C-alpha cells in the first residue's frame, strides 16, 4: 500500500520546472537536431548566429500545456536552451559517444512513437455498452468504492525484523508500535493517509475491507515498509455519470495499447530477428512489468500483480 498523494501544481512551480528542464543536456542535444533554416518573418529572437521562430515557441507552449505560463517565460527557456546548445557544440559535447548514443536513442523513440500514433489515432471510441460493462464489472472502482483512512509509520524494509513483525502482531495500537520503535532506535516517518479502493489491488481491498477499525497490519514495498493502523472505512460510491469520463479515458488508452501490441506482434512475425550473442542473455529472466502489491501481516496474504484496471484509474478519488 504505497503512499499516494494527489497534488495540483502551482504556476510558479510549472515555470520553475520548465526553466530547470531547459538546462538538461538531453533537451539541449535534441534541440541541436532541429531545422535551422528559418526565415526572418518567422523569427522572433536571434541568439548569436541562431534564430528562434514563432513556430518553435508555439510548439513549446503546446508541449508544456500550462495556460498560466507566459510566452515570455517559455521564450526565455528557449533562449537558455539555445545558449547551452551553442556551448555544447563549441566544446564538441555533441560528439561525445554517450551523447550521440542518447540522441540516437531519443530519435528512435520519437520515430517509433510517431509510427504507433498513426496506428492508434483513428481507433473507434468506446461504445456505451463497453462503458457500462466496465462500470458493472469493476464495482470496487465505482458502485462499491470504499475509502480507507489510516495512520502509518514508514520505515526501511531492512528494519522490519522478525522481532518487529511479532510486536506488530501482538500490539493493540500503533502508539505501542511507535514506542517500540523509539526504544529500539528505529527511524520512522509518521503519515496520515487516505486511499480509495480504486487505488489499490483488488486483493488488498478485499483483505482490508474485512478488518475492523484499529486493526494493525504491515505492508512491504521495495526498500520501504509501512506499519499501518486502520482508522475508518467509508463507502464513497461513484455513479455512472460521474465515472463515465474516466472510464472513456481508460478504455481509449487500453484500445491504443492493444492496437500497439498487435502492430508490434505483426512486425515481429514478419521480421527476421536473429540473436547473435546468446551469451549476453545467459541467466537473464523475464521480470513482471507491474509492481508486486503489498503483503499484509498476520493471516492475511496478498501477493498478486496489479491489473491494468487497478493501475489505470487511480485518480478516481
Protein backbone atom coordinates (compact mmCIF):
# COMPACT_ATOMS: atom_id res chain seq x y z
CA UNK A 1 0.00 0.00 0.00
CA UNK A 2 2.32 2.71 -1.21
CA UNK A 3 1.84 6.33 -0.14
CA UNK A 4 -0.13 8.07 -2.87
CA UNK A 5 -0.68 11.81 -2.71
CA UNK A 6 -2.52 13.94 -5.25
CA UNK A 7 -1.17 17.40 -5.87
CA UNK A 8 -2.03 20.26 -8.12
CA UNK A 9 0.93 22.21 -9.47
CA UNK A 10 1.13 25.92 -8.95
CA UNK A 11 2.01 28.24 -11.81
CA UNK A 12 5.33 29.17 -10.26
CA UNK A 13 6.27 25.53 -9.92
CA UNK A 14 5.48 24.93 -13.58
CA UNK A 15 7.63 27.88 -14.60
CA UNK A 16 10.49 26.71 -12.40
CA UNK A 17 10.18 23.18 -13.74
CA UNK A 18 10.30 24.47 -17.30
CA UNK A 19 13.43 26.53 -16.63
CA UNK A 20 15.10 23.58 -14.98
CA UNK A 21 14.18 21.33 -17.88
CA UNK A 22 15.81 23.80 -20.24
CA UNK A 23 19.14 23.06 -18.56
CA UNK A 24 19.05 19.32 -19.18
CA UNK A 25 21.68 18.15 -21.61
CA UNK A 26 19.26 15.77 -23.30
CA UNK A 27 16.95 18.60 -24.21
CA UNK A 28 19.95 20.54 -25.38
CA UNK A 29 21.12 17.66 -27.53
CA UNK A 30 17.70 17.13 -29.05
CA UNK A 31 17.36 20.79 -29.90
CA UNK A 32 20.54 20.54 -31.93
CA UNK A 33 18.71 18.18 -34.26
CA UNK A 34 16.16 20.83 -35.21
CA UNK A 35 15.84 22.58 -38.55
CA UNK A 36 17.96 25.74 -38.55
CA UNK A 37 16.69 27.11 -41.85
CA UNK A 38 14.39 29.84 -40.61
CA UNK A 39 13.04 32.84 -42.44
CA UNK A 40 13.17 36.34 -40.99
CA UNK A 41 9.38 36.57 -40.92
CA UNK A 42 9.19 33.53 -38.67
CA UNK A 43 11.97 34.55 -36.30
CA UNK A 44 11.19 36.30 -33.03
CA UNK A 45 14.65 36.41 -31.46
CA UNK A 46 18.23 35.89 -32.61
CA UNK A 47 20.70 34.18 -30.31
CA UNK A 48 24.21 34.69 -31.64
CA UNK A 49 24.05 33.09 -35.11
CA UNK A 50 20.85 31.13 -34.50
CA UNK A 51 17.22 32.21 -34.58
CA UNK A 52 14.18 31.10 -32.62
CA UNK A 53 10.91 31.11 -34.55
CA UNK A 54 7.34 31.65 -33.56
CA UNK A 55 6.67 28.04 -34.59
CA UNK A 56 9.20 26.81 -32.02
CA UNK A 57 7.62 28.98 -29.35
CA UNK A 58 4.13 27.74 -30.16
CA UNK A 59 5.33 24.12 -30.19
CA UNK A 60 6.92 24.56 -26.75
CA UNK A 61 3.74 26.15 -25.38
CA UNK A 62 1.70 23.23 -26.70
CA UNK A 63 4.10 20.68 -25.24
CA UNK A 64 4.19 22.43 -21.87
CA UNK A 65 0.38 22.59 -21.74
CA UNK A 66 0.40 25.21 -18.97
CA UNK A 67 -2.05 28.02 -19.84
CA UNK A 68 -0.87 30.23 -16.98
CA UNK A 69 2.77 30.25 -18.08
CA UNK A 70 3.60 33.35 -20.08
CA UNK A 71 5.01 33.29 -23.58
CA UNK A 72 7.94 35.35 -22.28
CA UNK A 73 8.87 32.67 -19.74
CA UNK A 74 8.72 29.99 -22.42
CA UNK A 75 10.81 32.12 -24.78
CA UNK A 76 13.39 32.64 -22.03
CA UNK A 77 13.60 28.87 -21.69
CA UNK A 78 14.20 28.50 -25.44
CA UNK A 79 16.92 31.16 -25.30
CA UNK A 80 18.61 29.36 -22.40
CA UNK A 81 18.46 26.09 -24.33
CA UNK A 82 19.97 27.68 -27.42
CA UNK A 83 22.81 29.24 -25.40
CA UNK A 84 23.59 25.91 -23.79
CA UNK A 85 23.40 24.16 -27.16
CA UNK A 86 25.90 26.62 -28.62
CA UNK A 87 28.35 25.95 -25.81
CA UNK A 88 27.88 22.19 -26.07
CA UNK A 89 28.68 22.30 -29.79
CA UNK A 90 31.70 24.57 -29.25
CA UNK A 91 33.09 22.09 -26.74
CA UNK A 92 32.17 19.21 -29.08
CA UNK A 93 29.97 17.62 -26.44
CA UNK A 94 27.65 16.64 -29.27
CA UNK A 95 30.41 14.28 -30.48
CA UNK A 96 30.73 12.52 -27.13
CA UNK A 97 29.84 8.84 -27.75
CA UNK A 98 27.42 8.78 -24.82
CA UNK A 99 25.65 11.92 -26.01
CA UNK A 100 25.50 10.63 -29.58
CA UNK A 101 24.03 7.37 -28.33
CA UNK A 102 21.45 9.25 -26.26
CA UNK A 103 20.48 11.38 -29.27
CA UNK A 104 20.09 8.31 -31.45
CA UNK A 105 18.04 6.54 -28.79
CA UNK A 106 15.76 9.55 -28.43
CA UNK A 107 15.38 9.76 -32.21
CA UNK A 108 14.39 6.10 -32.38
CA UNK A 109 11.88 6.54 -29.56
CA UNK A 110 10.32 9.59 -31.23
CA UNK A 111 10.03 7.81 -34.58
CA UNK A 112 8.62 4.66 -33.02
CA UNK A 113 6.03 6.65 -31.07
CA UNK A 114 5.09 8.68 -34.12
CA UNK A 115 4.57 5.48 -36.14
CA UNK A 116 2.41 3.92 -33.43
CA UNK A 117 0.30 7.07 -33.31
CA UNK A 118 -0.54 6.57 -36.97
CA UNK A 119 -1.98 3.18 -35.98
CA UNK A 120 -3.90 4.37 -32.92
CA UNK A 121 -5.15 7.88 -33.73
CA UNK A 122 -8.32 6.75 -35.51
CA UNK A 123 -9.46 3.96 -33.22
CA UNK A 124 -13.21 3.83 -32.54
CA UNK A 125 -14.41 5.48 -29.35
CA UNK A 126 -15.65 3.23 -26.53
CA UNK A 127 -19.30 2.32 -27.03
CA UNK A 128 -21.99 2.85 -24.44
CA UNK A 129 -22.13 -0.93 -23.96
CA UNK A 130 -18.37 -1.09 -23.28
CA UNK A 131 -18.58 1.78 -20.81
CA UNK A 132 -21.46 0.26 -18.87
CA UNK A 133 -19.89 -3.21 -18.95
CA UNK A 134 -16.66 -1.83 -17.49
CA UNK A 135 -18.58 0.02 -14.78
CA UNK A 136 -20.56 -3.06 -13.77
CA UNK A 137 -17.58 -5.44 -13.82
CA UNK A 138 -15.46 -3.23 -11.53
CA UNK A 139 -17.66 -2.41 -8.53
CA UNK A 140 -14.62 -1.75 -6.30
CA UNK A 141 -13.80 1.21 -8.52
CA UNK A 142 -17.30 2.64 -8.72
CA UNK A 143 -20.57 1.37 -7.19
CA UNK A 144 -18.84 -0.29 -4.20
CA UNK A 145 -15.93 2.12 -3.94
CA UNK A 146 -14.54 2.45 -0.41
CA UNK A 147 -12.25 4.89 1.31
CA UNK A 148 -9.65 3.77 3.84
CA UNK A 149 -8.30 6.21 6.43
CA UNK A 150 -5.08 5.06 8.08
CA UNK A 151 -2.23 6.05 10.36
CA UNK A 152 1.15 4.79 9.25
CA UNK A 153 4.74 4.58 10.33
CA UNK A 154 7.05 4.49 7.33
CA UNK A 155 10.30 2.59 7.90
CA UNK A 156 13.13 0.97 5.96
CA UNK A 157 12.24 -2.60 4.99
CA UNK A 158 15.55 -3.78 6.41
CA UNK A 159 14.29 -2.64 9.83
CA UNK A 160 11.21 -4.86 9.55
CA UNK A 161 12.79 -7.65 11.58
CA UNK A 162 11.01 -10.79 12.82
CA UNK A 163 11.03 -9.18 16.28
CA UNK A 164 9.21 -6.10 14.98
CA UNK A 165 6.75 -8.22 12.99
CA UNK A 166 5.94 -10.22 16.14
CA UNK A 167 5.47 -6.98 18.06
CA UNK A 168 3.06 -5.72 15.39
CA UNK A 169 1.00 -8.91 15.69
CA UNK A 170 0.68 -8.56 19.46
CA UNK A 171 0.30 -4.77 19.75
CA UNK A 172 -3.08 -3.18 20.46
CA UNK A 173 -2.37 0.19 18.84
CA UNK A 174 0.07 1.96 16.58
CA UNK A 175 1.15 4.06 19.57
CA UNK A 176 2.58 0.91 21.15
CA UNK A 177 4.48 0.19 17.95
CA UNK A 178 5.78 3.76 17.82
CA UNK A 179 7.04 3.50 21.40
CA UNK A 180 8.78 0.23 20.50
CA UNK A 181 10.49 1.85 17.50
CA UNK A 182 11.69 4.72 19.66
CA UNK A 183 13.01 2.36 22.32
CA UNK A 184 14.91 0.37 19.71
CA UNK A 185 16.13 3.49 17.88
CA UNK A 186 14.44 2.55 14.61
CA UNK A 187 13.92 5.56 12.35
CA UNK A 188 10.38 6.13 11.11
CA UNK A 189 8.15 8.72 9.50
CA UNK A 190 4.55 9.11 10.72
CA UNK A 191 1.95 9.52 7.97
CA UNK A 192 -1.82 10.01 7.90
CA UNK A 193 -3.12 8.58 4.62
CA UNK A 194 -6.42 8.26 2.79
CA UNK A 195 -6.83 5.89 -0.14
CA UNK A 196 -9.75 4.51 -2.06
CA UNK A 197 -10.39 1.05 -3.42
CA UNK A 198 -9.73 2.50 -6.89
CA UNK A 199 -6.09 2.99 -5.90
CA UNK A 200 -5.40 -0.46 -4.53
CA UNK A 201 -5.24 -4.02 -5.91
CA UNK A 202 -8.46 -5.95 -5.51
CA UNK A 203 -6.79 -8.46 -3.19
CA UNK A 204 -5.66 -5.67 -0.84
CA UNK A 205 -9.13 -4.12 -0.88
CA UNK A 206 -10.73 -7.45 -0.04
CA UNK A 207 -8.30 -8.06 2.81
CA UNK A 208 -8.52 -4.60 4.39
CA UNK A 209 -12.32 -4.43 3.98
CA UNK A 210 -12.64 -7.38 6.37
CA UNK A 211 -10.61 -5.63 9.08
CA UNK A 212 -12.13 -3.71 11.97
CA UNK A 213 -11.06 -0.15 12.78
CA UNK A 214 -7.95 -0.27 14.96
CA UNK A 215 -6.51 -3.31 13.16
CA UNK A 216 -2.77 -3.32 12.56
CA UNK A 217 -1.04 -4.70 9.50
CA UNK A 218 2.24 -4.39 7.66
CA UNK A 219 2.89 -3.56 4.04
CA UNK A 220 6.18 -4.22 2.26
CA UNK A 221 7.04 -2.44 -0.96
CA UNK A 222 10.62 -2.39 -2.14
CA UNK A 223 13.05 -0.85 0.32
CA UNK A 224 10.25 0.88 2.26
CA UNK A 225 7.60 -0.63 4.52
CA UNK A 226 4.56 0.75 6.28
CA UNK A 227 3.28 -0.21 9.71
CA UNK A 228 -0.41 0.63 9.41
CA UNK A 229 -3.36 1.13 11.73
CA UNK A 230 -6.75 1.17 10.04
CA UNK A 231 -8.76 4.15 11.30
CA UNK A 232 -12.01 4.04 9.32
CA UNK A 233 -13.65 2.51 6.26
CA UNK A 234 -16.24 4.61 4.43
CA UNK A 235 -18.44 3.92 1.44
CA UNK A 236 -17.81 6.52 -1.30
CA UNK A 237 -19.55 5.21 -4.44
CA UNK A 238 -19.29 6.85 -7.85
CA UNK A 239 -22.31 6.99 -10.11
CA UNK A 240 -22.16 6.03 -13.75
CA UNK A 241 -22.43 9.66 -14.84
CA UNK A 242 -19.55 10.77 -12.65
CA UNK A 243 -17.34 7.83 -13.63
CA UNK A 244 -18.07 8.00 -17.36
CA UNK A 245 -15.27 10.45 -18.42
CA UNK A 246 -12.58 8.44 -16.65
CA UNK A 247 -13.91 5.15 -17.98
CA UNK A 248 -13.82 6.55 -21.51
CA UNK A 249 -10.27 7.77 -20.95
CA UNK A 250 -9.14 4.40 -19.61
CA UNK A 251 -10.82 2.34 -22.34
CA UNK A 252 -9.37 4.64 -25.01
CA UNK A 253 -5.87 4.14 -23.63
CA UNK A 254 -6.49 0.41 -23.36
CA UNK A 255 -7.58 0.21 -27.00
CA UNK A 256 -4.48 2.14 -28.03
CA UNK A 257 -2.25 -0.22 -26.07
CA UNK A 258 -3.91 -3.27 -27.57
CA UNK A 259 -3.53 -1.83 -31.08
CA UNK A 260 0.14 -1.01 -30.43
CA UNK A 261 0.83 -4.51 -29.07
CA UNK A 262 -0.89 -6.06 -32.08
CA UNK A 263 1.17 -3.99 -34.51
CA UNK A 264 4.43 -4.87 -32.75
CA UNK A 265 3.47 -8.56 -32.82
CA UNK A 266 2.70 -8.29 -36.55
CA UNK A 267 6.04 -6.64 -37.25
CA UNK A 268 7.93 -9.22 -35.20
CA UNK A 269 6.20 -12.05 -37.05
CA UNK A 270 7.22 -10.68 -40.43
CA UNK A 271 10.76 -9.64 -39.45
CA UNK A 272 13.93 -11.69 -39.42
CA UNK A 273 15.21 -11.49 -35.82
CA UNK A 274 18.41 -13.35 -35.04
CA UNK A 275 20.15 -13.29 -31.66
CA UNK A 276 23.85 -13.11 -32.44
CA UNK A 277 25.38 -13.20 -28.98
CA UNK A 278 23.34 -15.55 -26.86
CA UNK A 279 25.93 -15.47 -24.08
CA UNK A 280 24.75 -11.95 -23.26
CA UNK A 281 21.32 -13.40 -22.50
CA UNK A 282 22.60 -16.19 -20.24
CA UNK A 283 20.91 -16.13 -16.86
CA UNK A 284 18.52 -13.38 -17.89
CA UNK A 285 14.99 -13.87 -16.64
CA UNK A 286 11.82 -12.13 -17.64
CA UNK A 287 10.56 -9.93 -14.83
CA UNK A 288 6.97 -8.84 -14.31
CA UNK A 289 6.28 -5.43 -15.79
CA UNK A 290 3.92 -4.50 -12.96
CA UNK A 291 4.87 -3.98 -9.32
CA UNK A 292 4.03 -6.53 -6.68
CA UNK A 293 1.41 -5.18 -4.32
CA UNK A 294 1.88 -5.13 -0.56
CA UNK A 295 1.60 -8.15 1.70
CA UNK A 296 -0.41 -7.80 4.87
CA UNK A 297 0.95 -9.32 8.04
CA UNK A 298 -0.86 -11.91 10.14
CA UNK A 299 -3.18 -14.38 8.48
CA UNK A 300 -3.99 -12.17 5.50
CA UNK A 301 -1.77 -12.79 2.50
CA UNK A 302 -1.88 -10.57 -0.55
CA UNK A 303 0.56 -11.37 -3.32
CA UNK A 304 -0.81 -10.72 -6.80
CA UNK A 305 0.27 -8.33 -9.57
CA UNK A 306 -1.65 -5.14 -10.18
CA UNK A 307 -4.03 -5.37 -13.11
CA UNK A 308 -4.50 -2.76 -15.82
CA UNK A 309 -7.84 -1.85 -14.29
CA UNK A 310 -6.40 -1.34 -10.83
CA UNK A 311 -3.47 0.71 -12.10
CA UNK A 312 -5.38 2.60 -14.75
CA UNK A 313 -7.93 4.64 -12.82
CA UNK A 314 -6.14 5.54 -9.61
CA UNK A 315 -7.31 9.14 -9.80
CA UNK A 316 -10.99 8.33 -9.22
CA UNK A 317 -10.90 9.77 -5.73
